Amino acid sequence: MAIIVNLDVMMAKRKMSLNELSAKVDLTLSNLSILKTGKAKAIRFSTLDAICKALQCQPGDILEYTE
């Protein structure tokens, strides 16, 4: 897949753990981990919105396209 998920990078920049983000976004640790490792096949806009609010970033900071 040509979409790279940089969630771990943004979490490190914001000094936020997976547990903290999970609580703020109201998403299970396992689902957040799947997204963080790039194994997710899709993401809901509502989830992306919640993650961006919690990390105070833009969707482009989390998702990257490469060929």
PDB file of N, CA and C in Angstrom:
ATOM      1  N   MET A   1       0.845  -1.178   0.000  1.00  0.00           N
ATOM      2  CA  MET A   1       0.000   0.000   0.000  1.00  0.00           C
ATOM      3  C   MET A   1       0.886   1.236   0.000  1.00  0.00           C
ATOM      4  N   ALA A   2       0.456   2.267  -0.672  1.00  0.00           N
ATOM      5  CA  ALA A   2       1.254   3.477  -0.823  1.00  0.00           C
ATOM      6  C   ALA A   2       0.942   4.532   0.233  1.00  0.00           C
ATOM      7  N   ILE A   3       0.084   4.210   1.174  1.00  0.00           N
ATOM      8  CA  ILE A   3      -0.239   5.147   2.251  1.00  0.00           C
ATOM      9  C   ILE A   3       0.566   4.760   3.490  1.00  0.00           C
ATOM     10  N   ILE A   4       1.318   5.705   4.015  1.00  0.00           N
ATOM     11  CA  ILE A   4       2.119   5.470   5.212  1.00  0.00           C
ATOM     12  C   ILE A   4       1.466   6.211   6.373  1.00  0.00           C
ATOM     13  N   VAL A   5       1.322   5.529   7.487  1.00  0.00           N
ATOM     14  CA  VAL A   5       0.723   6.115   8.686  1.00  0.00           C
ATOM     15  C   VAL A   5       1.847   6.553   9.618  1.00  0.00           C
ATOM     16  N   ASN A   6       1.906   7.848   9.891  1.00  0.00           N
ATOM     17  CA  ASN A   6       2.939   8.417  10.758  1.00  0.00           C
ATOM     18  C   ASN A   6       2.392   8.756  12.144  1.00  0.00           C
ATOM     19  N   LEU A   7       1.479   7.947  12.617  1.00  0.00           N
ATOM     20  CA  LEU A   7       0.856   8.206  13.912  1.00  0.00           C
ATOM     21  C   LEU A   7       1.879   8.155  15.037  1.00  0.00           C
ATOM     22  N   ASP A   8       2.797   7.200  14.975  1.00  0.00           N
ATOM     23  CA  ASP A   8       3.809   7.081  16.023  1.00  0.00           C
ATOM     24  C   ASP A   8       4.722   8.300  16.070  1.00  0.00           C
ATOM     25  N   VAL A   9       4.995   8.897  14.903  1.00  0.00           N
ATOM     26  CA  VAL A   9       5.826  10.102  14.839  1.00  0.00           C
ATOM     27  C   VAL A   9       5.127  11.268  15.531  1.00  0.00           C
ATOM     28  N   MET A  10       3.841  11.453  15.224  1.00  0.00           N
ATOM     29  CA  MET A  10       3.088  12.558  15.835  1.00  0.00           C
ATOM     30  C   MET A  10       2.921  12.338  17.340  1.00  0.00           C
ATOM     31  N   MET A  11       2.711  11.091  17.742  1.00  0.00           N
ATOM     32  CA  MET A  11       2.591  10.796  19.173  1.00  0.00           C
ATOM     33  C   MET A  11       3.897  11.119  19.898  1.00  0.00           C
ATOM     34  N   ALA A  12       5.016  10.806  19.279  1.00  0.00           N
ATOM     35  CA  ALA A  12       6.323  11.107  19.880  1.00  0.00           C
ATOM     36  C   ALA A  12       6.541  12.616  19.971  1.00  0.00           C
ATOM     37  N   LYS A  13       6.157  13.345  18.927  1.00  0.00           N
ATOM     38  CA  LYS A  13       6.301  14.803  18.931  1.00  0.00           C
ATOM     39  C   LYS A  13       5.468  15.442  20.042  1.00  0.00           C
ATOM     40  N   ARG A  14       4.307  14.878  20.302  1.00  0.00           N
ATOM     41  CA  ARG A  14       3.400  15.412  21.325  1.00  0.00           C
ATOM     42  C   ARG A  14       3.632  14.769  22.697  1.00  0.00           C
ATOM     43  N   LYS A  15       4.602  13.835  22.748  1.00  0.00           N
ATOM     44  CA  LYS A  15       4.917  13.105  23.985  1.00  0.00           C
ATOM     45  C   LYS A  15       3.669  12.474  24.593  1.00  0.00           C
ATOM     46  N   MET A  16       2.921  11.757  23.735  1.00  0.00           N
ATOM     47  CA  MET A  16       1.681  11.119  24.161  1.00  0.00           C
ATOM     48  C   MET A  16       1.802   9.616  23.970  1.00  0.00           C
ATOM     49  N   SER A  17       1.405   8.877  24.980  1.00  0.00           N
ATOM     50  CA  SER A  17       1.465   7.416  24.902  1.00  0.00           C
ATOM     51  C   SER A  17       0.224   6.882  24.190  1.00  0.00           C
ATOM     52  N   LEU A  18       0.304   5.608  23.829  1.00  0.00           N
ATOM     53  CA  LEU A  18      -0.824   4.948  23.180  1.00  0.00           C
ATOM     54  C   LEU A  18      -2.025   4.906  24.118  1.00  0.00           C
ATOM     55  N   ASN A  19      -1.766   4.706  25.403  1.00  0.00           N
ATOM     56  CA  ASN A  19      -2.847   4.672  26.396  1.00  0.00           C
ATOM     57  C   ASN A  19      -3.539   6.025  26.511  1.00  0.00           C
ATOM     58  N   GLU A  20      -2.756   7.103  26.531  1.00  0.00           N
ATOM     59  CA  GLU A  20      -3.333   8.452  26.608  1.00  0.00           C
ATOM     60  C   GLU A  20      -4.192   8.759  25.387  1.00  0.00           C
ATOM     61  N   LEU A  21      -3.646   8.457  24.207  1.00  0.00           N
ATOM     62  CA  LEU A  21      -4.384   8.725  22.973  1.00  0.00           C
ATOM     63  C   LEU A  21      -5.647   7.884  22.914  1.00  0.00           C
ATOM     64  N   SER A  22      -5.552   6.636  23.331  1.00  0.00           N
ATOM     65  CA  SER A  22      -6.705   5.748  23.341  1.00  0.00           C
ATOM     66  C   SER A  22      -7.833   6.322  24.188  1.00  0.00           C
ATOM     67  N   ALA A  23      -7.487   6.857  25.352  1.00  0.00           N
ATOM     68  CA  ALA A  23      -8.492   7.436  26.244  1.00  0.00           C
ATOM     69  C   ALA A  23      -9.107   8.700  25.652  1.00  0.00           C
ATOM     70  N   LYS A  24      -8.280   9.539  25.030  1.00  0.00           N
ATOM     71  CA  LYS A  24      -8.776  10.792  24.455  1.00  0.00           C
ATOM     72  C   LYS A  24      -9.649  10.561  23.221  1.00  0.00           C
ATOM     73  N   VAL A  25      -9.294   9.559  22.430  1.00  0.00           N
ATOM     74  CA  VAL A  25      -9.988   9.296  21.168  1.00  0.00           C
ATOM     75  C   VAL A  25     -11.152   8.334  21.351  1.00  0.00           C
ATOM     76  N   ASP A  26     -11.171   7.627  22.497  1.00  0.00           N
ATOM     77  CA  ASP A  26     -12.189   6.614  22.781  1.00  0.00           C
ATOM     78  C   ASP A  26     -12.137   5.487  21.749  1.00  0.00           C
ATOM     79  N   LEU A  27     -10.929   4.973  21.562  1.00  0.00           N
ATOM     80  CA  LEU A  27     -10.683   3.875  20.641  1.00  0.00           C
ATOM     81  C   LEU A  27      -9.901   2.816  21.422  1.00  0.00           C
ATOM     82  N   THR A  28     -10.158   1.549  21.143  1.00  0.00           N
ATOM     83  CA  THR A  28      -9.459   0.498  21.883  1.00  0.00           C
ATOM     84  C   THR A  28      -7.969   0.518  21.552  1.00  0.00           C
ATOM     85  N   LEU A  29      -7.178   0.034  22.494  1.00  0.00           N
ATOM     86  CA  LEU A  29      -5.731  -0.028  22.278  1.00  0.00           C
ATOM     87  C   LEU A  29      -5.380  -0.884  21.068  1.00  0.00           C
ATOM     88  N   SER A  30      -6.102  -1.979  20.891  1.00  0.00           N
ATOM     89  CA  SER A  30      -5.792  -2.867  19.763  1.00  0.00           C
ATOM     90  C   SER A  30      -6.083  -2.195  18.427  1.00  0.00           C
ATOM     91  N   ASN A  31      -7.199  -1.481  18.328  1.00  0.00           N
ATOM     92  CA  ASN A  31      -7.512  -0.789  17.071  1.00  0.00           C
ATOM     93  C   ASN A  31      -6.536   0.342  16.799  1.00  0.00           C
ATOM     94  N   LEU A  32      -6.150   1.052  17.837  1.00  0.00           N
ATOM     95  CA  LEU A  32      -5.188   2.133  17.686  1.00  0.00           C
ATOM     96  C   LEU A  32      -3.815   1.578  17.307  1.00  0.00           C
ATOM     97  N   SER A  33      -3.462   0.448  17.866  1.00  0.00           N
ATOM     98  CA  SER A  33      -2.195  -0.198  17.547  1.00  0.00           C
ATOM     99  C   SER A  33      -2.163  -0.657  16.095  1.00  0.00           C
ATOM    100  N   ILE A  34      -3.262  -1.204  15.604  1.00  0.00           N
ATOM    101  CA  ILE A  34      -3.363  -1.627  14.202  1.00  0.00           C
ATOM    102  C   ILE A  34      -3.165  -0.422  13.284  1.00  0.00           C
ATOM    103  N   LEU A  35      -3.759   0.689  13.643  1.00  0.00           N
ATOM    104  CA  LEU A  35      -3.607   1.905  12.854  1.00  0.00           C
ATOM    105  C   LEU A  35      -2.163   2.405  12.919  1.00  0.00           C
ATOM    106  N   LYS A  36      -1.592   2.407  14.102  1.00  0.00           N
ATOM    107  CA  LYS A  36      -0.232   2.912  14.313  1.00  0.00           C
ATOM    108  C   LYS A  36       0.805   2.112  13.534  1.00  0.00           C
ATOM    109  N   THR A  37       0.624   0.806  13.452  1.00  0.00           N
ATOM    110  CA  THR A  37       1.589  -0.045  12.756  1.00  0.00           C
ATOM    111  C   THR A  37       1.372  -0.077  11.247  1.00  0.00           C
ATOM    112  N   GLY A  38       0.329   0.600  10.774  1.00  0.00           N
ATOM    113  CA  GLY A  38       0.078   0.659   9.328  1.00  0.00           C
ATOM    114  C   GLY A  38      -0.638  -0.557   8.779  1.00  0.00           C
ATOM    115  N   LYS A  39      -1.204  -1.388   9.647  1.00  0.00           N
ATOM    116  CA  LYS A  39      -1.886  -2.600   9.199  1.00  0.00           C
ATOM    117  C   LYS A  39      -3.374  -2.369   8.913  1.00  0.00           C
ATOM    118  N   ALA A  40      -3.861  -1.176   9.202  1.00  0.00           N
ATOM    119  CA  ALA A  40      -5.281  -0.869   8.981  1.00  0.00           C
ATOM    120  C   ALA A  40      -5.564  -0.740   7.485  1.00  0.00           C
ATOM    121  N   LYS A  41      -6.714  -1.218   7.075  1.00  0.00           N
ATOM    122  CA  LYS A  41      -7.132  -1.124   5.674  1.00  0.00           C
ATOM    123  C   LYS A  41      -7.921   0.153   5.413  1.00  0.00           C
ATOM    124  N   ALA A  42      -8.477   0.749   6.468  1.00  0.00           N
ATOM    125  CA  ALA A  42      -9.304   1.949   6.323  1.00  0.00           C
ATOM    126  C   ALA A  42      -9.339   2.695   7.653  1.00  0.00           C
ATOM    127  N   ILE A  43      -9.754   3.942   7.577  1.00  0.00           N
ATOM    128  CA  ILE A  43      -9.953   4.736   8.785  1.00  0.00           C
ATOM    129  C   ILE A  43     -11.173   5.620   8.566  1.00  0.00           C
ATOM    130  N   ARG A  44     -12.009   5.706   9.568  1.00  0.00           N
ATOM    131  CA  ARG A  44     -13.200   6.555   9.475  1.00  0.00           C
ATOM    132  C   ARG A  44     -12.791   8.010   9.657  1.00  0.00           C
ATOM    133  N   PHE A  45     -13.490   8.887   8.981  1.00  0.00           N
ATOM    134  CA  PHE A  45     -13.212  10.312   9.122  1.00  0.00           C
ATOM    135  C   PHE A  45     -13.421  10.766  10.564  1.00  0.00           C
ATOM    136  N   SER A  46     -14.395  10.199  11.237  1.00  0.00           N
ATOM    137  CA  SER A  46     -14.642  10.586  12.631  1.00  0.00           C
ATOM    138  C   SER A  46     -13.458  10.188  13.521  1.00  0.00           C
ATOM    139  N   THR A  47     -12.846   9.053  13.237  1.00  0.00           N
ATOM    140  CA  THR A  47     -11.668   8.617  13.988  1.00  0.00           C
ATOM    141  C   THR A  47     -10.482   9.517  13.680  1.00  0.00           C
ATOM    142  N   LEU A  48     -10.284   9.823  12.407  1.00  0.00           N
ATOM    143  CA  LEU A  48      -9.198  10.712  11.996  1.00  0.00           C
ATOM    144  C   LEU A  48      -9.381  12.093  12.619  1.00  0.00           C
ATOM    145  N   ASP A  49     -10.616  12.571  12.651  1.00  0.00           N
ATOM    146  CA  ASP A  49     -10.930  13.862  13.261  1.00  0.00           C
ATOM    147  C   ASP A  49     -10.566  13.860  14.745  1.00  0.00           C
ATOM    148  N   ALA A  50     -10.941  12.806  15.453  1.00  0.00           N
ATOM    149  CA  ALA A  50     -10.662  12.703  16.887  1.00  0.00           C
ATOM    150  C   ALA A  50      -9.163  12.634  17.148  1.00  0.00           C
ATOM    151  N   ILE A  51      -8.434  11.895  16.325  1.00  0.00           N
ATOM    152  CA  ILE A  51      -6.980  11.780  16.490  1.00  0.00           C
ATOM    153  C   ILE A  51      -6.320  13.131  16.243  1.00  0.00           C
ATOM    154  N   CYS A  52      -6.756  13.825  15.194  1.00  0.00           N
ATOM    155  CA  CYS A  52      -6.186  15.143  14.890  1.00  0.00           C
ATOM    156  C   CYS A  52      -6.467  16.144  16.005  1.00  0.00           C
ATOM    157  N   LYS A  53      -7.660  16.087  16.590  1.00  0.00           N
ATOM    158  CA  LYS A  53      -7.981  16.976  17.711  1.00  0.00           C
ATOM    159  C   LYS A  53      -7.099  16.661  18.912  1.00  0.00           C
ATOM    160  N   ALA A  54      -6.932  15.389  19.224  1.00  0.00           N
ATOM    161  CA  ALA A  54      -6.148  14.983  20.389  1.00  0.00           C
ATOM    162  C   ALA A  54      -4.669  15.334  20.227  1.00  0.00           C
ATOM    163  N   LEU A  55      -4.152  15.198  19.005  1.00  0.00           N
ATOM    164  CA  LEU A  55      -2.737  15.463  18.752  1.00  0.00           C
ATOM    165  C   LEU A  55      -2.479  16.885  18.250  1.00  0.00           C
ATOM    166  N   GLN A  56      -3.552  17.637  18.053  1.00  0.00           N
ATOM    167  CA  GLN A  56      -3.460  19.007  17.540  1.00  0.00           C
ATOM    168  C   GLN A  56      -2.617  19.053  16.268  1.00  0.00           C
ATOM    169  N   CYS A  57      -3.076  18.295  15.264  1.00  0.00           N
ATOM    170  CA  CYS A  57      -2.354  18.221  13.997  1.00  0.00           C
ATOM    171  C   CYS A  57      -3.340  18.148  12.836  1.00  0.00           C
ATOM    172  N   GLN A  58      -2.816  18.097  11.644  1.00  0.00           N
ATOM    173  CA  GLN A  58      -3.605  17.966  10.428  1.00  0.00           C
ATOM    174  C   GLN A  58      -3.558  16.510   9.949  1.00  0.00           C
ATOM    175  N   PRO A  59      -4.561  16.079   9.161  1.00  0.00           N
ATOM    176  CA  PRO A  59      -4.543  14.705   8.642  1.00  0.00           C
ATOM    177  C   PRO A  59      -3.265  14.390   7.857  1.00  0.00           C
ATOM    178  N   GLY A  60      -2.731  15.380   7.153  1.00  0.00           N
ATOM    179  CA  GLY A  60      -1.499  15.191   6.393  1.00  0.00           C
ATOM    180  C   GLY A  60      -0.278  14.947   7.268  1.00  0.00           C
ATOM    181  N   ASP A  61      -0.369  15.299   8.545  1.00  0.00           N
ATOM    182  CA  ASP A  61       0.714  15.016   9.475  1.00  0.00           C
ATOM    183  C   ASP A  61       0.729  13.537   9.859  1.00  0.00           C
ATOM    184  N   ILE A  62      -0.403  12.889   9.713  1.00  0.00           N
ATOM    185  CA  ILE A  62      -0.545  11.481  10.105  1.00  0.00           C
ATOM    186  C   ILE A  62      -0.456  10.550   8.898  1.00  0.00           C
ATOM    187  N   LEU A  63      -1.070  10.961   7.792  1.00  0.00           N
ATOM    188  CA  LEU A  63      -1.100  10.124   6.591  1.00  0.00           C
ATOM    189  C   LEU A  63      -0.211  10.696   5.505  1.00  0.00           C
ATOM    190  N   GLU A  64       0.542   9.818   4.850  1.00  0.00           N
ATOM    191  CA  GLU A  64       1.477  10.241   3.811  1.00  0.00           C
ATOM    192  C   GLU A  64       1.348   9.288   2.617  1.00  0.00           C
ATOM    193  N   TYR A  65       1.378   9.830   1.410  1.00  0.00           N
ATOM    194  CA  TYR A  65       1.291   9.007   0.203  1.00  0.00           C
ATOM    195  C   TYR A  65       2.657   8.913  -0.456  1.00  0.00           C
ATOM    196  N   THR A  66       3.064   7.694  -0.778  1.00  0.00           N
ATOM    197  CA  THR A  66       4.290   7.468  -1.542  1.00  0.00           C
ATOM    198  C   THR A  66       4.006   6.443  -2.625  1.00  0.00           C
ATOM    199  N   GLU A  67       4.750   6.514  -3.681  1.00  0.00           N
ATOM    200  CA  GLU A  67       4.567   5.553  -4.783  1.00  0.00           C
ATOM    201  C   GLU A  67       5.406   4.319  -4.584  1.00  0.00           C
TER     202      GLU A  67
END
